[in-house]
Amino acid sequence: MTEQNLAQKTTVRTQKYKRELLWLSPALLATAVLFTVYLRSHPYPSFGAGLYLLVAERISEAGYALPKTIPYYTDGGVPFAYPPLMFYAVAAIRDLTGLDPITITRVLPGLVTMLYLVPLYLLARDLLGSRPEAALTSLLAAVSPPVLQWHISAGGIVRAPAFLFALTGIYAGLRLYRDRDQRWVVPSLALFTLTVLTHPLYTAFFALSYFLLFLAFDRTAWGLLRGAVVGVGGITLAAPWWIQVMSYHGVDVFTSAAGTHGGIGGGIQSLQALVEFDVHGALVGQLWAVVPLFGIAYLLKERRYFLPVWFVTVMLAFGKPRLSVTVGAFIIAVFLLEGVGPWLKRETPLAVGRRGFVTAALVLIATVGLAGGAMYATGDVDAHAGSPSLPQFITHDDVEAMEWVETNTDPSATFVVQGDAAEWFPQQTHRTMLVGPWGVEWKGHEPYNRQLNLFRDISSCNSAHCMSQTLSEAGVSPDYIYLPKGTFTVRGMQYQRTSKLAMSMHLSPKYRTVFENDGVIVFEVMGGEQGESQTGTGPGRKSGNSDGENSGGR
């Protein structure tokens, strides 16, 4: 190849990349705006990732060996059986950069959220055969609240990379099955392995989507063999993780956790809710759920079955809006540009060509989507039965209180924590939290449900008597009780705390205030209904630090 031909080829390739970037830019810019809004409105990350960060910390402390258990989350800790890839990545980021863990959970999810739009666009472009439809698909997914909620929030340090791997792998599967290009077997295998090592839900989404691609494009023995290579090969390559976990905890650790968060088949209720349209539901959520139905009707009329089958199967299998809305974005894009656009041109006086309609659709969705997405990102949307979207589980007052706990209590001290700040508490304080469901799913349904119900019961207590009785009946005897003041959340649902509980505990001889700031009160349990007297210096206490004075300051 001559130097001139090489230069021409490079120029053509560069122009091609620029054209793809041009079509992808609306989604990238929209996500960048929403990410910026989120960062400016959230000094602390939304939802929880304390357990994830503590896992990464333990991995680093163990010289990057796989930990057996994770301490501080309930008495005795919880088994470590999570897919470990992103915990290793976060541990490496912390060790190499020295970044604060909370900063990582604020920034990393948003960056990866922007990155996964690239394979999403490529998948839509090749599956739909249209760059405008791919641009619209990626834009719709970028601004949709259900997708944004779970990938830009704190837990997105795991979920967003898993979504990136899954979408890229599904794109590789499309190239493998539709184009019959076996060069995509190795990328598919690598991506499936990465997904297996990152998150089980996205692994199942990858596998189901891959199987549907096989049925749609390559129902041959060779197609089945290639799929088996990817599926069995990915599980096999991940064996160093799951074999070691089973050697620690047995195979039951995986079977026990199945279904604690919905599991396969958890979408039947979601489909029923979709059919039984709730006029009183949140408008944004209802629109994202219902609009694809019009697209499905159009596609069925056109005898194009893959997208409707993909949408319904994903909804039935998982019941996770973040996944069904992503598939729904493909359907909406086709419906708008191939159904609505031509109909408007044909049946109305609007003489709008395809290019004009594409531009109008992108501008309209970007405008409306950014407005709604920005409100969602700031937490101004009622997304949880009247509770705000993307709530922050911890505040500056929580961080201050947790620093006090780590400095002024014995390492063996045990706590009961009201509200969702409990998820972050063990990671921030390195103290044992006796009540909370996080990580307990690996112990099985019964322990998980017990912890979840007890956490809700304790968090709803509004008197010292309720607190003492609930803990006594559950056989839980903490050294301290950590209470939020004012507004807080329980499993994402907002609560408004009055002064009744704090006053009741102040007046009770069973509790003594050892720390208080504007947002948190920490009480020492003095005995009584919680068991034997624990006054003075003893297990769980440091001498001179339980004097009842406000160490945090107002």
Foldseek 3Di string as FASTA:
>chain_A
DDPVVVVVVVVVVVVVVVVLCVLQVLLLVLLVLLLVLLVVLPVFFFFFCQQLQQLLVVCVVVVNDHDQFRPQAAPPGFGDQALCDLSVVLNVCCVVPVDDLRVCLQPVLSVLLSVLLVLQLLQLCVVVVDSLLSSQLSNLLSLQLLQCQCRNGSVVSQVSVLSSLLSNLLSLLLCCQAVVDCVSLVSNLVSLLVNRSGHDVSNVLSLVSSVLSCVVGPVDPVSVVSSCCSVVSSVVVSCVSNVVNCVSPNPLLVVQLACLVQHFQSLPVVVVCLVVDDPPDFPSVNCLSPLLVVLCVVCVVVVNCSLVVSLVNSNRTGVRCSVSSSSSSSSNSCCQQVPVVVCCCVPHPDVADSVRSSVVSSVVCSVVSSVVSSCLSSQNGLHPVRGTHRHRQDDPVLLLVLVLLQVFKDLAFEEAEAASVVSNNCSSRVHHYNADLPSCSSVHNVVNVVRLVLNVQCNPDQAPVSNLVSCLVVLHAGQKYKYWAAWGHHVRGIDGHDCRHVVRQCPDPQWAWQADDPTMTMIGGQADSRHDGDPDDDPTGDPPRRPRDHPRYD
